N, C-alpha and C. Protein backbone atom coordinates (compact mmCIF):
# COMPACT_ATOMS: atom_id res chain seq x y z
N MET A 1 89.25 123.21 48.06
CA MET A 1 87.83 123.08 48.64
C MET A 1 87.01 123.68 47.22
N LYS A 2 86.20 122.29 47.30
CA LYS A 2 85.20 123.25 46.40
C LYS A 2 83.86 123.85 47.37
N PRO A 3 83.66 125.29 46.22
CA PRO A 3 82.63 125.59 46.65
C PRO A 3 81.30 125.23 47.24
N LEU A 4 80.05 125.80 47.91
CA LEU A 4 79.36 125.08 48.46
C LEU A 4 78.27 125.82 47.15
N LEU A 5 77.81 124.72 46.43
CA LEU A 5 76.35 125.57 45.27
C LEU A 5 74.76 125.50 46.14
N VAL A 6 73.99 126.72 46.11
CA VAL A 6 72.91 126.49 47.23
C VAL A 6 72.45 126.41 46.21
N GLU A 7 71.16 126.27 46.16
CA GLU A 7 69.93 126.37 45.80
C GLU A 7 69.62 127.90 44.93
N ALA A 8 69.22 128.12 44.22
CA ALA A 8 68.43 129.47 43.50
C ALA A 8 67.49 129.44 42.74
N SER A 9 66.61 131.23 42.81
CA SER A 9 65.77 130.35 42.29
C SER A 9 65.92 131.20 40.82
N ARG A 10 65.03 130.73 40.22
CA ARG A 10 65.10 130.96 38.43
C ARG A 10 65.35 132.71 38.15
N GLY A 11 66.42 132.51 37.44
CA GLY A 11 66.58 133.77 37.47
C GLY A 11 66.25 134.66 35.55
N VAL A 12 67.09 135.25 34.32
CA VAL A 12 66.66 135.43 33.24
C VAL A 12 66.31 134.15 32.12
N GLY A 13 65.71 133.87 31.50
CA GLY A 13 65.21 132.98 30.63
C GLY A 13 64.78 131.55 31.55
N ASN A 14 65.72 130.56 31.70
CA ASN A 14 65.28 129.49 32.22
C ASN A 14 66.70 129.36 33.08
N MET A 15 67.20 130.14 33.17
CA MET A 15 68.41 130.07 34.02
C MET A 15 68.08 130.70 35.31
N ARG A 16 69.17 129.57 36.00
CA ARG A 16 68.99 130.15 38.09
C ARG A 16 69.85 131.32 37.85
N PHE A 17 69.63 132.27 38.87
CA PHE A 17 70.72 133.20 38.48
C PHE A 17 71.86 132.22 39.90
N PHE A 18 73.14 133.21 39.83
CA PHE A 18 74.53 132.45 40.23
C PHE A 18 74.03 131.91 41.96
N SER A 19 74.90 131.00 41.58
CA SER A 19 74.67 131.11 43.91
C SER A 19 75.51 130.65 44.71
N PHE A 20 77.08 130.49 44.22
CA PHE A 20 77.74 131.06 45.11
C PHE A 20 79.21 131.39 44.72
N THR A 21 79.79 131.73 46.14
CA THR A 21 80.65 132.83 45.98
C THR A 21 82.17 131.85 45.65
N LYS A 22 83.27 132.03 45.16
CA LYS A 22 84.59 131.55 45.53
C LYS A 22 85.71 132.83 45.30
N THR A 23 86.32 132.71 46.73
CA THR A 23 87.42 133.69 46.42
C THR A 23 88.71 133.36 46.35
N ILE A 24 89.55 134.14 45.08
CA ILE A 24 90.69 133.42 45.19
C ILE A 24 92.40 134.74 45.04
N GLU A 25 93.28 134.48 45.05
CA GLU A 25 94.00 135.31 45.25
C GLU A 25 94.74 135.89 43.71
N SER A 26 94.68 136.99 43.41
CA SER A 26 95.28 137.54 41.91
C SER A 26 96.57 137.57 42.03
N GLU A 27 97.44 137.53 40.57
CA GLU A 27 98.60 137.10 40.72
C GLU A 27 99.58 138.62 41.19
N GLU A 28 98.54 139.24 41.34
CA GLU A 28 99.74 140.35 42.88
C GLU A 28 99.13 140.17 44.15
N GLY A 29 98.73 138.99 44.22
CA GLY A 29 98.33 138.49 45.17
C GLY A 29 97.12 139.87 46.15
N HIS A 30 95.91 140.06 45.56
CA HIS A 30 94.95 140.39 45.76
C HIS A 30 93.79 139.56 46.40
N LEU A 31 93.18 139.74 47.39
CA LEU A 31 91.93 138.32 47.85
C LEU A 31 90.86 139.32 47.11
N VAL A 32 90.45 138.55 45.85
CA VAL A 32 89.34 138.74 45.25
C VAL A 32 87.95 137.94 45.66
N THR A 33 86.79 138.45 45.67
CA THR A 33 86.27 137.42 46.06
C THR A 33 84.90 137.47 44.60
N ILE A 34 84.56 136.32 44.20
CA ILE A 34 83.54 135.71 43.10
C ILE A 34 82.25 136.01 43.34
N ILE A 35 81.40 137.06 43.73
CA ILE A 35 80.13 137.06 44.21
C ILE A 35 78.79 137.03 43.18
N PRO A 36 77.50 136.23 43.32
CA PRO A 36 76.30 137.10 42.40
C PRO A 36 76.11 138.33 43.14
N TYR A 37 75.73 138.46 42.07
CA TYR A 37 75.68 140.06 41.75
C TYR A 37 74.20 140.69 43.05
N GLU A 38 74.89 141.48 43.91
CA GLU A 38 73.82 141.96 45.05
C GLU A 38 73.28 143.70 44.74
N GLU A 39 72.00 144.05 44.56
CA GLU A 39 71.62 145.13 44.28
C GLU A 39 72.24 146.37 45.70
N ARG A 40 73.00 145.82 46.73
CA ARG A 40 73.42 146.34 47.66
C ARG A 40 75.18 146.92 46.70
N TYR A 41 75.53 146.51 45.97
CA TYR A 41 76.85 146.88 45.64
C TYR A 41 76.26 147.65 44.15
N PHE A 42 75.17 148.40 43.85
CA PHE A 42 74.71 148.59 42.47
C PHE A 42 75.82 149.79 42.28
N THR A 43 76.12 150.70 43.65
CA THR A 43 76.79 152.26 43.37
C THR A 43 78.36 151.98 43.10
N SER A 44 78.91 151.06 43.80
CA SER A 44 79.74 150.55 43.33
C SER A 44 79.97 150.15 42.00
N LEU A 45 79.32 149.23 41.43
CA LEU A 45 79.12 148.38 40.15
C LEU A 45 79.60 149.87 39.30
N ILE A 46 78.37 150.73 39.84
CA ILE A 46 78.64 152.25 39.02
C ILE A 46 79.71 152.77 38.93
N HIS A 47 80.02 153.04 39.75
CA HIS A 47 82.08 153.36 39.71
C HIS A 47 82.83 153.03 38.62
N MET A 48 82.75 151.66 39.53
CA MET A 48 83.60 151.26 38.68
C MET A 48 83.62 151.00 37.25
N TYR A 49 82.43 151.24 36.56
CA TYR A 49 82.40 151.81 35.09
C TYR A 49 82.00 153.47 35.11
N ASP A 50 81.95 154.12 36.07
CA ASP A 50 82.80 155.64 35.69
C ASP A 50 84.34 156.09 35.44
N THR A 51 85.50 155.14 36.53
CA THR A 51 86.10 154.85 36.72
C THR A 51 87.33 154.72 35.43
N TYR A 52 86.29 153.14 34.58
CA TYR A 52 87.12 152.37 34.13
C TYR A 52 87.29 153.18 32.36
N ASN A 53 89.02 152.89 31.93
CA ASN A 53 89.66 153.87 31.70
C ASN A 53 89.76 152.86 30.41
N PRO A 54 90.10 153.25 29.12
CA PRO A 54 89.21 154.45 28.64
C PRO A 54 87.82 153.91 28.45
N LEU A 55 86.86 155.15 28.90
CA LEU A 55 85.24 154.37 28.26
C LEU A 55 85.62 154.52 26.89
N GLY A 56 84.35 153.82 26.23
CA GLY A 56 84.22 153.26 24.99
C GLY A 56 84.93 152.26 24.38
N SER A 57 86.36 151.71 25.00
CA SER A 57 87.09 151.46 24.26
C SER A 57 87.24 149.68 23.83
N VAL A 58 86.15 149.51 24.34
CA VAL A 58 85.51 147.57 24.28
C VAL A 58 83.89 147.92 23.41
N GLN A 59 84.08 147.57 21.87
CA GLN A 59 82.86 147.68 20.69
C GLN A 59 82.45 148.87 21.94
N GLY A 60 82.56 150.23 21.74
CA GLY A 60 82.23 151.15 22.47
C GLY A 60 81.80 151.13 23.75
N LEU A 61 81.70 150.29 24.70
CA LEU A 61 81.63 150.41 25.93
C LEU A 61 82.98 150.37 26.97
N PRO A 62 82.79 150.88 28.01
CA PRO A 62 81.56 151.03 28.14
C PRO A 62 81.14 153.45 27.79
N PRO A 63 79.65 152.98 27.56
CA PRO A 63 79.51 154.12 26.76
C PRO A 63 80.57 155.36 27.64
N LEU A 64 80.80 156.35 26.72
CA LEU A 64 81.40 157.59 26.96
C LEU A 64 80.06 158.45 28.13
N ASP A 65 78.64 158.39 27.66
CA ASP A 65 77.78 159.39 28.24
C ASP A 65 77.68 158.72 29.67
N ARG A 66 77.75 159.71 30.32
CA ARG A 66 77.30 159.06 32.16
C ARG A 66 75.87 158.19 32.47
N GLU A 67 75.01 159.13 32.18
CA GLU A 67 73.51 158.76 31.92
C GLU A 67 73.33 157.44 30.89
N LYS A 68 74.44 157.41 29.80
CA LYS A 68 73.60 156.29 29.27
C LYS A 68 74.61 155.31 29.88
N ARG A 69 75.65 155.14 30.18
CA ARG A 69 76.64 154.55 30.86
C ARG A 69 75.50 153.61 31.65
N HIS A 70 74.80 154.30 32.67
CA HIS A 70 74.10 154.44 34.03
C HIS A 70 73.50 153.28 33.34
N GLN A 71 72.32 154.10 32.20
CA GLN A 71 71.47 153.07 31.91
C GLN A 71 71.85 151.76 31.19
N TRP A 72 73.14 151.77 30.83
CA TRP A 72 73.60 150.30 30.11
C TRP A 72 73.61 149.48 31.66
N VAL A 73 74.75 150.10 32.82
CA VAL A 73 75.25 149.44 33.67
C VAL A 73 73.35 148.14 34.01
N GLN A 74 72.22 149.09 34.24
CA GLN A 74 70.66 149.11 34.78
C GLN A 74 70.28 148.48 33.58
N ASP A 75 70.68 147.84 32.12
CA ASP A 75 69.84 146.93 31.50
C ASP A 75 70.91 145.81 31.29
N LEU A 76 71.68 145.93 31.49
CA LEU A 76 73.13 144.01 32.11
C LEU A 76 72.10 143.86 33.37
N ILE A 77 72.10 144.14 34.65
CA ILE A 77 72.07 143.80 35.59
C ILE A 77 70.17 143.15 35.48
N GLY A 78 69.94 144.45 34.73
CA GLY A 78 68.14 143.39 34.25
C GLY A 78 67.01 142.36 33.16
N ARG A 79 68.71 142.06 32.16
CA ARG A 79 68.61 141.20 31.39
C ARG A 79 69.80 139.94 31.38
N GLY A 80 70.36 139.31 32.39
CA GLY A 80 71.30 138.68 32.42
C GLY A 80 71.45 138.38 34.14
N ALA A 81 72.06 137.08 34.16
CA ALA A 81 72.80 136.69 35.60
C ALA A 81 73.85 137.01 35.54
N ASN A 82 74.29 137.83 36.21
CA ASN A 82 75.68 138.84 37.09
C ASN A 82 76.46 138.24 38.14
N LEU A 83 77.33 138.69 38.25
CA LEU A 83 78.49 138.57 39.20
C LEU A 83 79.41 139.53 39.22
N LEU A 84 79.90 139.26 39.85
CA LEU A 84 80.75 140.77 40.20
C LEU A 84 81.92 140.33 41.11
N ALA A 85 83.11 140.93 40.67
CA ALA A 85 84.38 140.30 41.00
C ALA A 85 84.39 141.56 42.36
N MET A 86 84.89 141.05 43.50
CA MET A 86 85.35 142.52 44.66
C MET A 86 86.18 141.94 45.75
N HIS A 87 86.96 143.17 45.33
CA HIS A 87 87.89 143.48 46.18
C HIS A 87 88.00 144.07 47.58
N GLU A 88 88.76 144.11 48.68
CA GLU A 88 87.90 144.83 49.73
C GLU A 88 86.63 145.39 49.84
N ASP A 89 85.29 145.38 48.94
CA ASP A 89 84.17 145.73 49.03
C ASP A 89 84.16 146.57 48.42
N VAL A 90 84.77 146.91 47.39
CA VAL A 90 84.77 147.18 45.80
C VAL A 90 84.45 146.63 45.16
N VAL A 91 83.62 146.84 43.75
CA VAL A 91 83.40 146.20 42.94
C VAL A 91 84.97 146.64 41.81
N ILE A 92 85.02 145.07 41.47
CA ILE A 92 86.15 145.36 40.46
C ILE A 92 86.42 144.72 38.87
N GLY A 93 85.29 144.26 38.74
CA GLY A 93 84.71 143.58 37.67
C GLY A 93 83.85 143.13 37.57
N GLN A 94 82.77 142.44 36.41
CA GLN A 94 81.15 142.08 36.14
C GLN A 94 81.62 141.22 34.95
N ALA A 95 81.07 140.00 34.93
CA ALA A 95 80.67 139.39 34.34
C ALA A 95 78.88 138.76 34.17
N SER A 96 78.00 138.75 33.00
CA SER A 96 77.10 138.22 33.01
C SER A 96 77.18 137.15 31.59
N LEU A 97 75.63 136.68 31.81
CA LEU A 97 75.57 135.89 30.81
C LEU A 97 74.17 136.03 30.54
N PHE A 98 73.67 135.66 29.59
CA PHE A 98 72.45 136.59 28.64
C PHE A 98 71.73 135.21 27.94
N SER A 99 70.65 134.95 28.77
CA SER A 99 70.12 133.44 27.29
C SER A 99 69.43 133.90 26.42
N MET A 100 70.11 132.67 25.79
CA MET A 100 69.88 132.63 24.11
C MET A 100 68.57 131.62 23.87
N PRO A 101 68.51 132.01 22.71
CA PRO A 101 67.70 131.02 22.01
C PRO A 101 68.90 129.52 21.70
N ALA A 102 67.68 128.03 21.60
CA ALA A 102 68.90 127.09 21.76
C ALA A 102 69.72 126.39 22.16
N ASN A 103 69.82 127.19 24.06
CA ASN A 103 70.06 126.86 24.68
C ASN A 103 71.12 127.23 25.25
N TRP A 104 71.93 128.44 24.14
CA TRP A 104 73.09 129.21 24.16
C TRP A 104 72.77 130.12 25.73
N ALA A 105 73.68 130.62 25.68
CA ALA A 105 73.76 132.02 26.65
C ALA A 105 75.60 132.69 26.41
N GLU A 106 75.09 133.98 26.30
CA GLU A 106 76.17 134.91 26.00
C GLU A 106 76.77 135.73 26.65
N TYR A 107 78.06 135.65 26.66
CA TYR A 107 79.13 135.77 27.63
C TYR A 107 79.09 136.81 27.17
N PHE A 108 80.05 138.06 28.69
CA PHE A 108 80.33 139.44 28.54
C PHE A 108 80.86 139.78 30.01
N ILE A 109 82.22 140.22 30.13
CA ILE A 109 82.99 140.72 31.20
C ILE A 109 83.99 141.89 30.84
N PHE A 110 83.95 142.25 31.84
CA PHE A 110 84.97 143.30 32.39
C PHE A 110 85.56 143.71 33.45
N ILE A 111 86.24 143.41 33.44
CA ILE A 111 87.98 143.74 34.36
C ILE A 111 88.72 145.51 34.77
N HIS A 112 88.61 146.06 36.33
CA HIS A 112 88.55 147.08 35.51
C HIS A 112 90.63 146.86 35.73
N GLN A 113 90.66 148.38 34.91
CA GLN A 113 91.93 147.95 34.59
C GLN A 113 93.04 148.06 35.77
N ASP A 114 93.03 148.56 36.58
CA ASP A 114 93.89 148.28 37.27
C ASP A 114 94.54 147.00 38.39
N PHE A 115 92.73 146.45 37.71
CA PHE A 115 93.46 144.71 38.44
C PHE A 115 93.28 143.59 37.06
N GLN A 116 93.61 143.96 35.63
CA GLN A 116 93.97 143.32 35.07
C GLN A 116 95.08 142.75 34.84
N ARG A 117 95.39 141.71 34.00
CA ARG A 117 96.54 141.02 33.72
C ARG A 117 96.75 140.44 34.35
N GLN A 118 95.79 139.76 36.14
CA GLN A 118 96.00 139.30 37.08
C GLN A 118 95.34 137.90 37.02
N GLY A 119 95.01 137.40 36.60
CA GLY A 119 94.15 135.74 36.62
C GLY A 119 92.66 136.26 37.08
N ILE A 120 92.32 137.70 37.13
CA ILE A 120 90.74 137.44 37.97
C ILE A 120 90.20 137.58 36.56
N GLY A 121 89.65 137.69 35.27
CA GLY A 121 89.02 137.58 34.35
C GLY A 121 89.08 135.76 34.15
N THR A 122 90.43 135.16 34.39
CA THR A 122 90.44 133.61 33.84
C THR A 122 89.43 133.46 35.17
N ALA A 123 89.61 133.66 36.27
CA ALA A 123 89.12 133.14 36.69
C ALA A 123 87.62 132.69 37.07
N ILE A 124 87.05 134.39 36.66
CA ILE A 124 85.44 134.40 36.59
C ILE A 124 85.18 133.05 35.58
N THR A 125 85.81 133.44 34.30
CA THR A 125 85.10 133.02 33.39
C THR A 125 85.56 131.23 33.28
N PHE A 126 86.17 130.83 34.26
CA PHE A 126 86.18 129.30 34.41
C PHE A 126 85.00 128.97 35.54
N TYR A 127 84.55 129.96 36.40
CA TYR A 127 83.42 130.01 37.10
C TYR A 127 82.11 129.67 36.75
N ILE A 128 82.21 131.03 35.56
CA ILE A 128 80.71 131.06 34.19
C ILE A 128 81.00 129.36 33.70
N ILE A 129 82.44 128.99 33.68
CA ILE A 129 81.44 128.09 32.70
C ILE A 129 81.64 126.77 33.43
N ASP A 130 81.55 127.17 34.71
CA ASP A 130 81.32 125.18 35.42
C ASP A 130 79.53 125.65 35.71
N TRP A 131 79.87 127.07 36.12
CA TRP A 131 78.42 127.17 36.01
C TRP A 131 76.92 126.88 35.11
N ALA A 132 77.61 127.32 34.07
CA ALA A 132 76.85 126.89 32.71
C ALA A 132 76.68 125.37 32.56
N ARG A 133 77.75 124.61 32.56
CA ARG A 133 77.47 122.67 32.59
C ARG A 133 76.17 122.66 33.77
N GLN A 134 76.65 123.45 35.06
CA GLN A 134 75.50 122.61 35.86
C GLN A 134 73.97 123.05 35.38
N GLU A 135 74.00 124.66 34.61
CA GLU A 135 72.41 124.60 33.78
C GLU A 135 72.40 124.02 32.83
N ASN A 136 73.48 122.99 32.32
CA ASN A 136 72.97 122.57 31.46
C ASN A 136 72.47 122.75 29.91
N LEU A 137 73.40 124.20 30.02
CA LEU A 137 73.43 125.28 28.74
C LEU A 137 74.16 124.64 27.71
N SER A 138 74.15 124.72 26.56
CA SER A 138 74.71 123.84 25.04
C SER A 138 75.97 124.50 24.78
N THR A 139 75.92 125.68 24.84
CA THR A 139 76.86 126.57 24.20
C THR A 139 77.23 128.06 24.64
N ILE A 140 78.48 128.94 24.80
CA ILE A 140 78.16 130.02 25.69
C ILE A 140 78.81 130.52 23.88
N TRP A 141 78.14 131.63 23.96
CA TRP A 141 79.33 132.47 22.95
C TRP A 141 79.81 134.17 23.33
N VAL A 142 80.32 134.56 22.57
CA VAL A 142 80.88 136.11 22.98
C VAL A 142 81.88 136.72 21.56
N THR A 143 80.99 137.65 21.77
CA THR A 143 81.97 138.51 20.98
C THR A 143 83.19 139.70 21.48
N ILE A 144 84.43 139.67 20.27
CA ILE A 144 84.93 140.52 21.22
C ILE A 144 85.90 141.20 19.89
N GLU A 145 86.03 142.23 20.25
CA GLU A 145 87.00 143.12 19.40
C GLU A 145 88.60 142.78 18.75
N ARG A 146 88.78 142.61 17.99
CA ARG A 146 89.99 142.05 16.89
C ARG A 146 91.43 142.23 17.48
N ARG A 147 91.26 143.85 18.55
CA ARG A 147 92.60 144.29 18.94
C ARG A 147 92.34 143.87 20.68
N ASN A 148 91.64 143.18 21.18
CA ASN A 148 91.31 143.04 22.44
C ASN A 148 92.14 141.51 22.60
N TYR A 149 93.29 141.55 22.61
CA TYR A 149 94.43 140.21 22.02
C TYR A 149 94.10 139.94 23.85
N MET A 150 94.11 140.63 24.47
CA MET A 150 93.68 140.17 26.34
C MET A 150 92.41 138.70 26.60
N ALA A 151 91.81 139.82 26.01
CA ALA A 151 90.27 138.98 25.71
C ALA A 151 89.90 137.30 25.42
N ILE A 152 90.91 137.49 23.34
CA ILE A 152 91.05 136.48 22.93
C ILE A 152 91.86 135.33 23.46
N ALA A 153 93.17 136.30 24.08
CA ALA A 153 93.49 135.04 24.62
C ALA A 153 93.20 134.04 25.69
N LEU A 154 92.05 134.83 26.90
CA LEU A 154 91.72 134.79 28.01
C LEU A 154 90.46 133.44 27.31
N CYS A 155 89.72 133.68 26.28
CA CYS A 155 89.00 133.21 25.62
C CYS A 155 89.04 131.81 24.78
N ARG A 156 90.53 131.72 24.28
CA ARG A 156 91.37 130.59 23.99
C ARG A 156 91.56 129.52 24.60
N SER A 157 92.01 130.35 25.81
CA SER A 157 92.79 129.35 26.90
C SER A 157 91.88 128.79 27.46
N ALA A 158 90.79 129.08 27.47
CA ALA A 158 89.24 128.13 28.15
C ALA A 158 88.72 127.37 27.23
N GLY A 159 88.94 127.34 25.97
CA GLY A 159 88.46 126.25 25.09
C GLY A 159 87.72 126.61 24.01
N PHE A 160 86.97 128.36 24.18
CA PHE A 160 86.47 128.85 22.67
C PHE A 160 86.97 128.80 21.65
N ARG A 161 86.66 128.71 20.32
CA ARG A 161 87.14 128.31 19.24
C ARG A 161 86.14 129.64 18.62
N ARG A 162 87.18 130.41 17.44
CA ARG A 162 86.28 131.12 16.27
C ARG A 162 85.48 130.29 15.79
N ILE A 163 84.10 131.49 15.18
CA ILE A 163 83.07 131.26 14.21
C ILE A 163 82.93 131.72 13.60
N GLY A 164 83.77 133.10 13.36
CA GLY A 164 83.50 134.18 12.38
C GLY A 164 83.75 135.00 12.79
N SER A 165 83.56 136.30 11.96
CA SER A 165 84.15 137.24 12.23
C SER A 165 84.17 138.29 11.50
N GLY A 166 84.08 139.81 11.74
CA GLY A 166 83.40 140.17 10.56
C GLY A 166 84.58 141.73 10.70
N ASP A 167 84.76 143.20 9.76
CA ASP A 167 85.86 143.34 10.02
C ASP A 167 86.00 144.13 11.61
N SER A 168 85.98 144.14 12.49
CA SER A 168 86.16 144.52 13.83
C SER A 168 85.98 143.84 15.23
N GLU A 169 85.48 142.93 14.87
CA GLU A 169 85.12 141.33 15.77
C GLU A 169 85.20 140.57 14.71
N LEU A 170 85.35 139.45 16.45
CA LEU A 170 85.54 137.90 16.15
C LEU A 170 83.92 137.94 16.62
N GLU A 171 83.81 136.66 16.47
CA GLU A 171 82.76 135.70 17.27
C GLU A 171 83.06 134.67 18.26
N MET A 172 82.75 133.87 18.98
CA MET A 172 83.73 132.39 19.52
C MET A 172 82.57 132.14 20.00
N VAL A 173 83.18 130.72 20.32
CA VAL A 173 81.45 129.77 21.08
C VAL A 173 82.49 128.81 21.66
N LEU A 174 81.90 128.14 23.10
CA LEU A 174 82.25 127.28 23.84
C LEU A 174 81.26 126.49 23.90
N THR A 175 81.41 124.77 22.94
CA THR A 175 80.84 123.81 23.03
C THR A 175 80.79 123.38 24.69
N LEU A 176 79.22 123.43 25.00
CA LEU A 176 79.71 122.79 27.14
C LEU A 176 78.94 121.00 26.26
N SER A 177 77.70 120.97 25.68
CA SER A 177 77.37 120.12 25.60
C SER A 177 76.22 119.91 23.95
N GLN A 178 76.22 118.66 23.76
CA GLN A 178 75.02 118.77 22.06
C GLN A 178 74.07 119.42 22.71
N GLU A 179 73.47 119.97 21.55
CA GLU A 179 71.89 120.80 21.23
C GLU A 179 71.60 119.77 22.37
N GLN A 180 70.15 120.56 23.03
CA GLN A 180 68.91 120.21 23.60
C GLN A 180 67.76 120.35 23.02
């Protein structure tokens, strides 16, 4: 059954906020609902990052310092269009798109360690890609730590290709359409 797309107000940049939910079954049998961010889940989102292990493990994120971590989460919410992965009304993942020049968006995703390697990140990534196409975005860009093999494999399976690299990270893009 195809999810219902409901018109939503404009979000960050020219992007609308995410506007539909999707429920999936993880590879371990957990029912996970992917929803647009709602303020009422802020405390649960903070808790997800406060219990993320190891802190600072992905490009220095989530920040080690509690106060900096909480400010970082608030900045994510304020700058991007955000999705939450929910299991039993608890946030277990977050994904964001940040508007960039030239009809591009930067992609960001975190899944709590207790729910990784269950297909949840893949489901969220394909949700993001479908939504970005509806928004007529041309490209999704992501940076990934070289040693984050799980994220690199996920992005490759979704069609991202490597465009550059530094000493510690890779840049990957997914071209959705020609530049507009």
